[in-house]
Amino acid sequence: MKVKSIALALGTMLTLVSAGCAGDKTAQEVAQEPNYVDIKTFDDLSEYFKYNPERGTVISGHRGGMVTGYPENCIESFEKTLSLMPSFFEIDPRLTADSVIVLMHDGKLDRTTTGKGRVGDYTYEELQQFNLVDRDGNVTPYKIPTLEDCIKWSQGKCVLNLDIKDVPTKTMTDFLKKQGVSNVIYTVWRPDQVLEYLEADPNATFSIWCRQPGELDAYDAAGIPWERVMVGYVGDSMDEPKKRLYDGLHERGVMCMISVAPTHDHCLNNDCKVEGYATEFAKFMRPDIIETDYPYLFMQLDETSAPIERKLK
């Protein structure tokens, strides 16, 4: 079988999904467009996250993905990533003093902006005096975005995975019901959270934390509707002793996601990062989704060749 790079495999997969939503456009015409995916309905979302052992690994941009000059949780950074490759994005909603939902991972502004102090001590208007700072400490021209602006931008482009920080459940579900979109999923950590969100919003969809076989059993015991679960976060690697967990998620139609943000992403240089990423493809089972701070580096990997080819200079 012809060896395919991650970028090619993802491009093929997203072309097929997009072609199903593109009306009279041909597959060739869709392939010539940017790396966007148009999610208009629950069925579109289910198709995007449909488990298939033959498809390529999907890359998720942790906090939107980062490149020098492009900070985390920033719409311009999301657009930059999509200019390079297909992706969906994990982002971090947080409340301002006047209850505007903005994107910010930390409770404080110090690390990622030119400001100081707690996000919740400022109104949204007051936050606009600050600029976002990239991972290397460079001040950028970009401002802290609202979740509403991010959702509007994302339509016809990508899926958003909300890792909610301090936004109450009802506040978040009321907000999303008002938006009326299908391309947004909630990250949750426990079965009771799934049920809580579904009670507030029966149309909610999820990325669940499920890192041990016992946690899978707990979700089953709670009676969660598996058709509402798109992604199962299984930890920072896929290890053979937990094969029952991965098989169980796949049997329920759920894709297995690992995150290399706390591991390989912390290597000091790109060569080291890419070598670390390659080890995840060499294990007994390939992840369905890999979440990373640096999606663009996965364009350098060939997931099926041995040894892994690297194109970095």
C-alpha atoms as a PDB file:
ATOM      1  CA  MET A   1       0.000   0.000   0.000  1.00  0.00           C
ATOM      2  CA  LYS A   2       1.283   3.448  -0.861  1.00  0.00           C
ATOM      3  CA  VAL A   3       2.798   5.267   2.113  1.00  0.00           C
ATOM      4  CA  LYS A   4       0.884   8.436   3.017  1.00  0.00           C
ATOM      5  CA  SER A   5       2.057  11.297   5.162  1.00  0.00           C
ATOM      6  CA  ILE A   6      -0.075  12.596   8.000  1.00  0.00           C
ATOM      7  CA  ALA A   7      -0.838  15.708   6.017  1.00  0.00           C
ATOM      8  CA  LEU A   8      -1.981  13.684   2.983  1.00  0.00           C
ATOM      9  CA  ALA A   9      -4.036  11.280   5.074  1.00  0.00           C
ATOM     10  CA  LEU A  10      -5.757  14.140   6.879  1.00  0.00           C
ATOM     11  CA  GLY A  11      -6.271  16.033   3.661  1.00  0.00           C
ATOM     12  CA  THR A  12      -7.931  13.020   2.046  1.00  0.00           C
ATOM     13  CA  MET A  13     -10.191  12.449   5.053  1.00  0.00           C
ATOM     14  CA  LEU A  14     -11.280  16.082   5.253  1.00  0.00           C
ATOM     15  CA  THR A  15     -11.832  16.266   1.499  1.00  0.00           C
ATOM     16  CA  LEU A  16     -14.291  13.369   1.785  1.00  0.00           C
ATOM     17  CA  VAL A  17     -16.118  14.976   4.700  1.00  0.00           C
ATOM     18  CA  SER A  18     -16.196  18.392   3.048  1.00  0.00           C
ATOM     19  CA  ALA A  19     -17.297  16.928  -0.265  1.00  0.00           C
ATOM     20  CA  GLY A  20     -20.375  15.552   1.476  1.00  0.00           C
ATOM     21  CA  CYS A  21     -21.327  19.118   2.505  1.00  0.00           C
ATOM     22  CA  ALA A  22     -20.247  20.949  -0.627  1.00  0.00           C
ATOM     23  CA  GLY A  23     -23.336  20.723  -2.817  1.00  0.00           C
ATOM     24  CA  ASP A  24     -22.406  20.592  -6.480  1.00  0.00           C
ATOM     25  CA  LYS A  25     -18.685  21.067  -5.961  1.00  0.00           C
ATOM     26  CA  THR A  26     -16.428  18.294  -7.163  1.00  0.00           C
ATOM     27  CA  ALA A  27     -13.906  16.578  -4.901  1.00  0.00           C
ATOM     28  CA  GLN A  28     -11.142  18.252  -6.906  1.00  0.00           C
ATOM     29  CA  GLU A  29     -12.643  21.690  -6.325  1.00  0.00           C
ATOM     30  CA  VAL A  30     -12.991  21.032  -2.596  1.00  0.00           C
ATOM     31  CA  ALA A  31      -9.378  19.792  -2.398  1.00  0.00           C
ATOM     32  CA  GLN A  32      -8.169  23.113  -3.817  1.00  0.00           C
ATOM     33  CA  GLU A  33      -9.776  25.091  -0.993  1.00  0.00           C
ATOM     34  CA  PRO A  34      -8.103  25.823   2.387  1.00  0.00           C
ATOM     35  CA  ASN A  35      -8.005  23.169   5.095  1.00  0.00           C
ATOM     36  CA  TYR A  36     -11.533  23.888   6.293  1.00  0.00           C
ATOM     37  CA  VAL A  37     -14.296  21.526   7.358  1.00  0.00           C
ATOM     38  CA  ASP A  38     -17.931  22.633   7.297  1.00  0.00           C
ATOM     39  CA  ILE A  39     -19.936  21.256  10.249  1.00  0.00           C
ATOM     40  CA  LYS A  40     -23.552  22.346   9.975  1.00  0.00           C
ATOM     41  CA  THR A  41     -25.383  19.487  11.732  1.00  0.00           C
ATOM     42  CA  PHE A  42     -24.934  16.805  14.364  1.00  0.00           C
ATOM     43  CA  ASP A  43     -24.613  14.260  11.555  1.00  0.00           C
ATOM     44  CA  ASP A  44     -21.736  16.275  10.067  1.00  0.00           C
ATOM     45  CA  LEU A  45     -20.016  16.313  13.459  1.00  0.00           C
ATOM     46  CA  SER A  46     -20.529  12.570  13.932  1.00  0.00           C
ATOM     47  CA  GLU A  47     -19.084  11.917  10.489  1.00  0.00           C
ATOM     48  CA  TYR A  48     -16.053  14.103  11.224  1.00  0.00           C
ATOM     49  CA  PHE A  49     -15.317  12.110  14.387  1.00  0.00           C
ATOM     50  CA  LYS A  50     -16.382   8.711  13.044  1.00  0.00           C
ATOM     51  CA  TYR A  51     -13.937   6.047  14.179  1.00  0.00           C
ATOM     52  CA  ASN A  52     -12.333   4.185  11.291  1.00  0.00           C
ATOM     53  CA  PRO A  53      -9.073   2.244  11.770  1.00  0.00           C
ATOM     54  CA  GLU A  54      -8.137   2.969   8.146  1.00  0.00           C
ATOM     55  CA  ARG A  55      -8.176   6.743   8.400  1.00  0.00           C
ATOM     56  CA  GLY A  56      -5.167   8.906   9.208  1.00  0.00           C
ATOM     57  CA  THR A  57      -4.428  10.398  12.598  1.00  0.00           C
ATOM     58  CA  VAL A  58      -6.287  13.655  13.206  1.00  0.00           C
ATOM     59  CA  ILE A  59      -4.220  16.468  14.731  1.00  0.00           C
ATOM     60  CA  SER A  60      -5.806  18.768  17.305  1.00  0.00           C
ATOM     61  CA  GLY A  61      -4.289  22.147  18.082  1.00  0.00           C
ATOM     62  CA  HIS A  62      -3.940  22.437  21.864  1.00  0.00           C
ATOM     63  CA  ARG A  63      -4.995  25.983  22.818  1.00  0.00           C
ATOM     64  CA  GLY A  64      -5.309  26.529  19.081  1.00  0.00           C
ATOM     65  CA  GLY A  65      -1.764  25.606  18.131  1.00  0.00           C
ATOM     66  CA  MET A  66       1.262  27.885  18.178  1.00  0.00           C
ATOM     67  CA  VAL A  67       3.880  29.207  15.776  1.00  0.00           C
ATOM     68  CA  THR A  68       6.360  31.996  16.501  1.00  0.00           C
ATOM     69  CA  GLY A  69       4.397  35.241  16.377  1.00  0.00           C
ATOM     70  CA  TYR A  70       1.086  33.475  16.969  1.00  0.00           C
ATOM     71  CA  PRO A  71      -0.034  33.092  20.597  1.00  0.00           C
ATOM     72  CA  GLU A  72      -2.313  30.505  22.184  1.00  0.00           C
ATOM     73  CA  ASN A  73      -6.102  30.981  22.311  1.00  0.00           C
ATOM     74  CA  CYS A  74      -5.975  33.460  19.443  1.00  0.00           C
ATOM     75  CA  ILE A  75      -8.173  33.444  16.320  1.00  0.00           C
ATOM     76  CA  GLU A  76      -5.270  34.570  14.126  1.00  0.00           C
ATOM     77  CA  SER A  77      -3.291  31.562  15.357  1.00  0.00           C
ATOM     78  CA  PHE A  78      -6.141  29.193  14.471  1.00  0.00           C
ATOM     79  CA  GLU A  79      -6.247  30.660  10.990  1.00  0.00           C
ATOM     80  CA  LYS A  80      -2.473  30.299  10.685  1.00  0.00           C
ATOM     81  CA  THR A  81      -2.660  26.599  11.605  1.00  0.00           C
ATOM     82  CA  LEU A  82      -5.454  25.994   9.076  1.00  0.00           C
ATOM     83  CA  SER A  83      -3.393  27.714   6.387  1.00  0.00           C
ATOM     84  CA  LEU A  84      -0.843  24.927   6.886  1.00  0.00           C
ATOM     85  CA  MET A  85      -2.938  21.811   7.576  1.00  0.00           C
ATOM     86  CA  PRO A  86      -6.328  20.482   8.700  1.00  0.00           C
ATOM     87  CA  SER A  87      -6.963  20.621  12.446  1.00  0.00           C
ATOM     88  CA  PHE A  88      -9.534  21.175  15.135  1.00  0.00           C
ATOM     89  CA  PHE A  89      -8.860  23.238  18.230  1.00  0.00           C
ATOM     90  CA  GLU A  90      -8.981  22.835  22.003  1.00  0.00           C
ATOM     91  CA  ILE A  91      -9.612  26.266  23.531  1.00  0.00           C
ATOM     92  CA  ASP A  92     -10.173  27.660  27.028  1.00  0.00           C
ATOM     93  CA  PRO A  93     -13.268  29.760  27.849  1.00  0.00           C
ATOM     94  CA  ARG A  94     -13.068  32.014  30.898  1.00  0.00           C
ATOM     95  CA  LEU A  95     -15.248  34.827  32.325  1.00  0.00           C
ATOM     96  CA  THR A  96     -14.401  38.516  32.609  1.00  0.00           C
ATOM     97  CA  ALA A  97     -15.638  40.781  35.415  1.00  0.00           C
ATOM     98  CA  ASP A  98     -18.633  41.757  33.266  1.00  0.00           C
ATOM     99  CA  SER A  99     -19.406  38.095  32.375  1.00  0.00           C
ATOM    100  CA  VAL A 100     -18.083  38.139  28.824  1.00  0.00           C
ATOM    101  CA  ILE A 101     -16.691  34.727  27.827  1.00  0.00           C
ATOM    102  CA  VAL A 102     -13.141  35.148  26.493  1.00  0.00           C
ATOM    103  CA  LEU A 103     -10.375  32.716  25.535  1.00  0.00           C
ATOM    104  CA  MET A 104      -7.654  32.440  28.175  1.00  0.00           C
ATOM    105  CA  HIS A 105      -6.073  29.348  29.684  1.00  0.00           C
ATOM    106  CA  ASP A 106      -4.566  30.861  32.831  1.00  0.00           C
ATOM    107  CA  GLY A 107      -6.501  32.591  35.552  1.00  0.00           C
ATOM    108  CA  LYS A 108      -3.920  35.388  35.371  1.00  0.00           C
ATOM    109  CA  LEU A 109      -2.882  37.526  32.425  1.00  0.00           C
ATOM    110  CA  ASP A 110       0.836  37.569  33.212  1.00  0.00           C
ATOM    111  CA  ARG A 111       2.121  34.670  31.067  1.00  0.00           C
ATOM    112  CA  THR A 112       0.188  35.185  27.838  1.00  0.00           C
ATOM    113  CA  THR A 113      -0.460  38.937  27.651  1.00  0.00           C
ATOM    114  CA  THR A 114       1.147  42.297  28.357  1.00  0.00           C
ATOM    115  CA  GLY A 115      -1.212  42.680  31.314  1.00  0.00           C
ATOM    116  CA  LYS A 116      -0.977  41.689  34.967  1.00  0.00           C
ATOM    117  CA  GLY A 117      -3.472  40.255  37.419  1.00  0.00           C
ATOM    118  CA  ARG A 118      -6.544  38.061  37.219  1.00  0.00           C
ATOM    119  CA  VAL A 119      -8.703  37.874  34.102  1.00  0.00           C
ATOM    120  CA  GLY A 120     -11.846  38.021  36.216  1.00  0.00           C
ATOM    121  CA  ASP A 121     -10.855  41.368  37.715  1.00  0.00           C
ATOM    122  CA  TYR A 122     -11.136  43.130  34.339  1.00  0.00           C
ATOM    123  CA  THR A 123     -14.079  43.905  32.105  1.00  0.00           C
ATOM    124  CA  TYR A 124     -13.790  42.820  28.491  1.00  0.00           C
ATOM    125  CA  GLU A 125     -13.292  46.430  27.405  1.00  0.00           C
ATOM    126  CA  GLU A 126     -10.477  46.842  29.929  1.00  0.00           C
ATOM    127  CA  LEU A 127      -8.772  43.685  28.650  1.00  0.00           C
ATOM    128  CA  GLN A 128      -8.489  45.228  25.197  1.00  0.00           C
ATOM    129  CA  GLN A 129      -5.678  47.484  26.401  1.00  0.00           C
ATOM    130  CA  PHE A 130      -3.425  44.409  26.482  1.00  0.00           C
ATOM    131  CA  ASN A 131      -1.795  42.446  23.665  1.00  0.00           C
ATOM    132  CA  LEU A 132      -1.277  38.712  23.480  1.00  0.00           C
ATOM    133  CA  VAL A 133       2.257  37.330  23.845  1.00  0.00           C
ATOM    134  CA  ASP A 134       3.486  34.247  21.978  1.00  0.00           C
ATOM    135  CA  ARG A 135       5.176  31.206  23.562  1.00  0.00           C
ATOM    136  CA  ASP A 136       8.620  32.794  23.027  1.00  0.00           C
ATOM    137  CA  GLY A 137       7.634  35.974  24.859  1.00  0.00           C
ATOM    138  CA  ASN A 138       7.177  38.092  21.733  1.00  0.00           C
ATOM    139  CA  VAL A 139       4.466  40.750  21.995  1.00  0.00           C
ATOM    140  CA  THR A 140       2.004  40.369  19.107  1.00  0.00           C
ATOM    141  CA  PRO A 141      -0.586  42.782  17.669  1.00  0.00           C
ATOM    142  CA  TYR A 142      -3.381  40.389  18.626  1.00  0.00           C
ATOM    143  CA  LYS A 143      -5.998  40.908  21.329  1.00  0.00           C
ATOM    144  CA  ILE A 144      -7.851  38.554  23.703  1.00  0.00           C
ATOM    145  CA  PRO A 145     -10.797  37.207  21.684  1.00  0.00           C
ATOM    146  CA  THR A 146     -14.322  36.492  22.868  1.00  0.00           C
ATOM    147  CA  LEU A 147     -15.718  32.999  22.514  1.00  0.00           C
ATOM    148  CA  GLU A 148     -18.575  34.461  20.503  1.00  0.00           C
ATOM    149  CA  ASP A 149     -16.176  35.958  17.951  1.00  0.00           C
ATOM    150  CA  CYS A 150     -14.286  32.653  17.820  1.00  0.00           C
ATOM    151  CA  ILE A 151     -17.460  30.661  17.165  1.00  0.00           C
ATOM    152  CA  LYS A 152     -18.535  33.063  14.431  1.00  0.00           C
ATOM    153  CA  TRP A 153     -15.092  32.797  12.829  1.00  0.00           C
ATOM    154  CA  SER A 154     -15.121  28.974  13.039  1.00  0.00           C
ATOM    155  CA  GLN A 155     -18.276  28.422  11.000  1.00  0.00           C
ATOM    156  CA  GLY A 156     -17.430  26.470   7.862  1.00  0.00           C
ATOM    157  CA  LYS A 157     -13.822  26.133   9.013  1.00  0.00           C
ATOM    158  CA  CYS A 158     -13.241  23.838  12.001  1.00  0.00           C
ATOM    159  CA  VAL A 159     -14.458  22.161  15.183  1.00  0.00           C
ATOM    160  CA  LEU A 160     -13.919  23.800  18.586  1.00  0.00           C
ATOM    161  CA  ASN A 161     -13.354  21.731  21.737  1.00  0.00           C
ATOM    162  CA  LEU A 162     -14.118  23.786  24.864  1.00  0.00           C
ATOM    163  CA  ASP A 163     -11.958  23.096  27.919  1.00  0.00           C
ATOM    164  CA  ILE A 164     -14.099  25.271  30.180  1.00  0.00           C
ATOM    165  CA  LYS A 165     -12.296  27.025  33.028  1.00  0.00           C
ATOM    166  CA  ASP A 166     -14.610  29.058  35.265  1.00  0.00           C
ATOM    167  CA  VAL A 167     -17.819  29.402  33.247  1.00  0.00           C
ATOM    168  CA  PRO A 168     -20.850  27.921  35.085  1.00  0.00           C
ATOM    169  CA  THR A 169     -22.683  25.133  33.261  1.00  0.00           C
ATOM    170  CA  LYS A 170     -25.929  27.064  32.763  1.00  0.00           C
ATOM    171  CA  THR A 171     -24.080  30.175  31.599  1.00  0.00           C
ATOM    172  CA  MET A 172     -22.200  28.120  29.011  1.00  0.00           C
ATOM    173  CA  THR A 173     -25.142  26.041  27.793  1.00  0.00           C
ATOM    174  CA  ASP A 174     -27.426  29.081  27.527  1.00  0.00           C
ATOM    175  CA  PHE A 175     -24.725  30.854  25.540  1.00  0.00           C
ATOM    176  CA  LEU A 176     -24.176  27.943  23.140  1.00  0.00           C
ATOM    177  CA  LYS A 177     -27.891  27.311  22.650  1.00  0.00           C
ATOM    178  CA  LYS A 178     -28.180  30.957  21.623  1.00  0.00           C
ATOM    179  CA  GLN A 179     -25.357  30.477  19.093  1.00  0.00           C
ATOM    180  CA  GLY A 180     -27.202  27.527  17.522  1.00  0.00           C
ATOM    181  CA  VAL A 181     -24.101  25.846  16.073  1.00  0.00           C
ATOM    182  CA  SER A 182     -23.048  22.199  15.706  1.00  0.00           C
ATOM    183  CA  ASN A 183     -19.268  22.482  15.510  1.00  0.00           C
ATOM    184  CA  VAL A 184     -18.604  22.897  19.265  1.00  0.00           C
ATOM    185  CA  ILE A 185     -17.989  20.115  21.804  1.00  0.00           C
ATOM    186  CA  TYR A 186     -17.485  20.187  25.582  1.00  0.00           C
ATOM    187  CA  THR A 187     -14.517  18.650  27.373  1.00  0.00           C
ATOM    188  CA  VAL A 188     -15.697  16.853  30.534  1.00  0.00           C
ATOM    189  CA  TRP A 189     -13.862  14.848  33.181  1.00  0.00           C
ATOM    190  CA  ARG A 190     -16.576  12.669  34.757  1.00  0.00           C
ATOM    191  CA  PRO A 191     -19.863  10.935  33.864  1.00  0.00           C
ATOM    192  CA  ASP A 192     -21.901  13.277  36.083  1.00  0.00           C
ATOM    193  CA  GLN A 193     -20.683  16.240  34.036  1.00  0.00           C
ATOM    194  CA  VAL A 194     -21.972  14.624  30.841  1.00  0.00           C
ATOM    195  CA  LEU A 195     -25.385  14.201  32.449  1.00  0.00           C
ATOM    196  CA  GLU A 196     -25.343  17.734  33.869  1.00  0.00           C
ATOM    197  CA  TYR A 197     -24.621  19.284  30.471  1.00  0.00           C
ATOM    198  CA  LEU A 198     -27.186  17.093  28.721  1.00  0.00           C
ATOM    199  CA  GLU A 199     -29.852  18.109  31.222  1.00  0.00           C
ATOM    200  CA  ALA A 200     -29.136  21.761  30.411  1.00  0.00           C
ATOM    201  CA  ASP A 201     -28.639  21.144  26.681  1.00  0.00           C
ATOM    202  CA  PRO A 202     -29.860  17.848  25.150  1.00  0.00           C
ATOM    203  CA  ASN A 203     -27.884  18.660  21.981  1.00  0.00           C
ATOM    204  CA  ALA A 204     -24.525  18.814  23.785  1.00  0.00           C
ATOM    205  CA  THR A 205     -21.626  16.737  22.451  1.00  0.00           C
ATOM    206  CA  PHE A 206     -18.467  15.761  24.277  1.00  0.00           C
ATOM    207  CA  SER A 207     -14.792  15.000  24.531  1.00  0.00           C
ATOM    208  CA  ILE A 208     -14.544  12.879  27.684  1.00  0.00           C
ATOM    209  CA  TRP A 209     -11.596  12.109  29.934  1.00  0.00           C
ATOM    210  CA  CYS A 210     -11.373   8.326  30.069  1.00  0.00           C
ATOM    211  CA  ARG A 211      -7.861   7.217  31.006  1.00  0.00           C
ATOM    212  CA  GLN A 212      -8.457   3.857  32.707  1.00  0.00           C
ATOM    213  CA  PRO A 213     -10.728   0.872  31.926  1.00  0.00           C
ATOM    214  CA  GLY A 214     -12.536   1.525  35.205  1.00  0.00           C
ATOM    215  CA  GLU A 215     -13.480   5.010  34.010  1.00  0.00           C
ATOM    216  CA  LEU A 216     -15.037   3.489  30.894  1.00  0.00           C
ATOM    217  CA  ASP A 217     -17.100   1.240  33.160  1.00  0.00           C
ATOM    218  CA  ALA A 218     -18.197   4.291  35.172  1.00  0.00           C
ATOM    219  CA  TYR A 219     -19.489   6.050  32.047  1.00  0.00           C
ATOM    220  CA  ASP A 220     -21.408   2.899  31.130  1.00  0.00           C
ATOM    221  CA  ALA A 221     -22.856   2.603  34.629  1.00  0.00           C
ATOM    222  CA  ALA A 222     -24.044   6.225  34.463  1.00  0.00           C
ATOM    223  CA  GLY A 223     -25.935   5.445  31.259  1.00  0.00           C
ATOM    224  CA  ILE A 224     -24.401   8.217  29.182  1.00  0.00           C
ATOM    225  CA  PRO A 225     -25.526   8.216  25.525  1.00  0.00           C
ATOM    226  CA  TRP A 226     -22.382   7.231  23.657  1.00  0.00           C
ATOM    227  CA  GLU A 227     -23.665   8.725  20.405  1.00  0.00           C
ATOM    228  CA  ARG A 228     -23.114  12.150  22.013  1.00  0.00           C
ATOM    229  CA  VAL A 229     -19.443  11.347  22.725  1.00  0.00           C
ATOM    230  CA  MET A 230     -17.049  12.249  19.905  1.00  0.00           C
ATOM    231  CA  VAL A 231     -13.635  11.901  21.566  1.00  0.00           C
ATOM    232  CA  GLY A 232     -12.147   9.924  24.447  1.00  0.00           C
ATOM    233  CA  TYR A 233      -9.015  11.467  25.953  1.00  0.00           C
ATOM    234  CA  VAL A 234      -6.970   8.457  27.110  1.00  0.00           C
ATOM    235  CA  GLY A 235      -3.826  10.183  28.459  1.00  0.00           C
ATOM    236  CA  ASP A 236      -0.454  11.200  27.058  1.00  0.00           C
ATOM    237  CA  SER A 237       0.255   7.873  25.345  1.00  0.00           C
ATOM    238  CA  MET A 238      -1.420   4.609  24.288  1.00  0.00           C
ATOM    239  CA  ASP A 239       0.066   1.699  26.225  1.00  0.00           C
ATOM    240  CA  GLU A 240      -0.695  -1.972  25.689  1.00  0.00           C
ATOM    241  CA  PRO A 241      -1.834  -2.738  29.291  1.00  0.00           C
ATOM    242  CA  LYS A 242      -4.830  -0.444  28.661  1.00  0.00           C
ATOM    243  CA  LYS A 243      -5.877  -2.083  25.391  1.00  0.00           C
ATOM    244  CA  ARG A 244      -9.309  -2.926  26.838  1.00  0.00           C
ATOM    245  CA  LEU A 245      -9.943   0.781  27.272  1.00  0.00           C
ATOM    246  CA  TYR A 246      -9.064   1.629  23.678  1.00  0.00           C
ATOM    247  CA  ASP A 247     -11.001  -1.308  22.260  1.00  0.00           C
ATOM    248  CA  GLY A 248     -13.969  -0.400  24.428  1.00  0.00           C
ATOM    249  CA  LEU A 249     -14.038   3.185  23.179  1.00  0.00           C
ATOM    250  CA  HIS A 250     -13.720   2.028  19.586  1.00  0.00           C
ATOM    251  CA  GLU A 251     -16.576  -0.457  20.072  1.00  0.00           C
ATOM    252  CA  ARG A 252     -18.699   2.477  21.225  1.00  0.00           C
ATOM    253  CA  GLY A 253     -17.701   4.484  18.148  1.00  0.00           C
ATOM    254  CA  VAL A 254     -15.422   6.883  20.030  1.00  0.00           C
ATOM    255  CA  MET A 255     -12.025   8.050  18.774  1.00  0.00           C
ATOM    256  CA  CYS A 256      -9.049   7.760  21.159  1.00  0.00           C
ATOM    257  CA  MET A 257      -7.064  10.955  21.690  1.00  0.00           C
ATOM    258  CA  ILE A 258      -3.692  11.417  23.370  1.00  0.00           C
ATOM    259  CA  SER A 259      -2.052  14.725  24.230  1.00  0.00           C
ATOM    260  CA  VAL A 260       1.664  15.306  23.758  1.00  0.00           C
ATOM    261  CA  ALA A 261       1.364  18.840  25.153  1.00  0.00           C
ATOM    262  CA  PRO A 262       2.648  17.760  28.598  1.00  0.00           C
ATOM    263  CA  THR A 263       5.343  15.444  27.191  1.00  0.00           C
ATOM    264  CA  HIS A 264       7.058  15.703  23.795  1.00  0.00           C
ATOM    265  CA  ASP A 265       5.976  19.315  23.251  1.00  0.00           C
ATOM    266  CA  HIS A 266       8.352  20.288  26.061  1.00  0.00           C
ATOM    267  CA  CYS A 267      11.456  19.140  24.172  1.00  0.00           C
ATOM    268  CA  LEU A 268      13.930  21.978  23.721  1.00  0.00           C
ATOM    269  CA  ASN A 269      14.078  21.891  19.922  1.00  0.00           C
ATOM    270  CA  ASN A 270      11.961  20.789  16.970  1.00  0.00           C
ATOM    271  CA  ASP A 271      14.075  17.733  16.159  1.00  0.00           C
ATOM    272  CA  CYS A 272      13.546  16.437  19.686  1.00  0.00           C
ATOM    273  CA  LYS A 273       9.805  17.126  19.508  1.00  0.00           C
ATOM    274  CA  VAL A 274       9.383  15.334  16.188  1.00  0.00           C
ATOM    275  CA  GLU A 275      11.393  12.322  17.370  1.00  0.00           C
ATOM    276  CA  GLY A 276       9.103  12.125  20.382  1.00  0.00           C
ATOM    277  CA  TYR A 277       5.981  12.348  18.249  1.00  0.00           C
ATOM    278  CA  ALA A 278       7.301   9.531  16.075  1.00  0.00           C
ATOM    279  CA  THR A 279       7.455   7.191  19.071  1.00  0.00           C
ATOM    280  CA  GLU A 280       3.684   7.480  19.473  1.00  0.00           C
ATOM    281  CA  PHE A 281       3.174   6.085  15.963  1.00  0.00           C
ATOM    282  CA  ALA A 282       5.594   3.229  16.642  1.00  0.00           C
ATOM    283  CA  LYS A 283       3.562   1.785  19.515  1.00  0.00           C
ATOM    284  CA  PHE A 284       1.224  -1.204  19.331  1.00  0.00           C
ATOM    285  CA  MET A 285      -1.766   1.007  18.493  1.00  0.00           C
ATOM    286  CA  ARG A 286      -1.755   4.315  16.643  1.00  0.00           C
ATOM    287  CA  PRO A 287      -3.722   7.170  18.259  1.00  0.00           C
ATOM    288  CA  ASP A 288      -6.821   8.303  16.396  1.00  0.00           C
ATOM    289  CA  ILE A 289      -6.193  11.906  17.483  1.00  0.00           C
ATOM    290  CA  ILE A 290      -3.063  13.610  18.792  1.00  0.00           C
ATOM    291  CA  GLU A 291      -3.389  16.927  20.593  1.00  0.00           C
ATOM    292  CA  THR A 292      -0.333  19.177  20.433  1.00  0.00           C
ATOM    293  CA  ASP A 293       0.798  22.767  20.913  1.00  0.00           C
ATOM    294  CA  TYR A 294       2.603  22.528  17.563  1.00  0.00           C
ATOM    295  CA  PRO A 295       0.350  20.967  14.891  1.00  0.00           C
ATOM    296  CA  TYR A 296       2.588  22.158  12.049  1.00  0.00           C
ATOM    297  CA  LEU A 297       5.456  19.909  13.218  1.00  0.00           C
ATOM    298  CA  PHE A 298       3.353  16.834  12.403  1.00  0.00           C
ATOM    299  CA  MET A 299       3.612  17.802   8.757  1.00  0.00           C
ATOM    300  CA  GLN A 300       7.225  16.605   9.000  1.00  0.00           C
ATOM    301  CA  LEU A 301       6.275  13.037   9.936  1.00  0.00           C
ATOM    302  CA  ASP A 302       5.385  10.003   7.904  1.00  0.00           C
ATOM    303  CA  GLU A 303       3.245   7.868  10.202  1.00  0.00           C
ATOM    304  CA  THR A 304       3.706   4.564   8.366  1.00  0.00           C
ATOM    305  CA  SER A 305       7.309   4.512   7.211  1.00  0.00           C
ATOM    306  CA  ALA A 306      10.107   2.832   9.132  1.00  0.00           C
ATOM    307  CA  PRO A 307      12.243   4.577  10.114  1.00  0.00           C
ATOM    308  CA  ILE A 308      10.247   7.795  10.424  1.00  0.00           C
ATOM    309  CA  GLU A 309      11.379  10.309   7.818  1.00  0.00           C
ATOM    310  CA  ARG A 310      12.070  13.816   9.049  1.00  0.00           C
ATOM    311  CA  LYS A 311      12.072  16.871   6.807  1.00  0.00           C
ATOM    312  CA  LEU A 312      13.223  19.394   9.355  1.00  0.00           C
ATOM    313  CA  LYS A 313      16.491  21.185   8.617  1.00  0.00           C
END
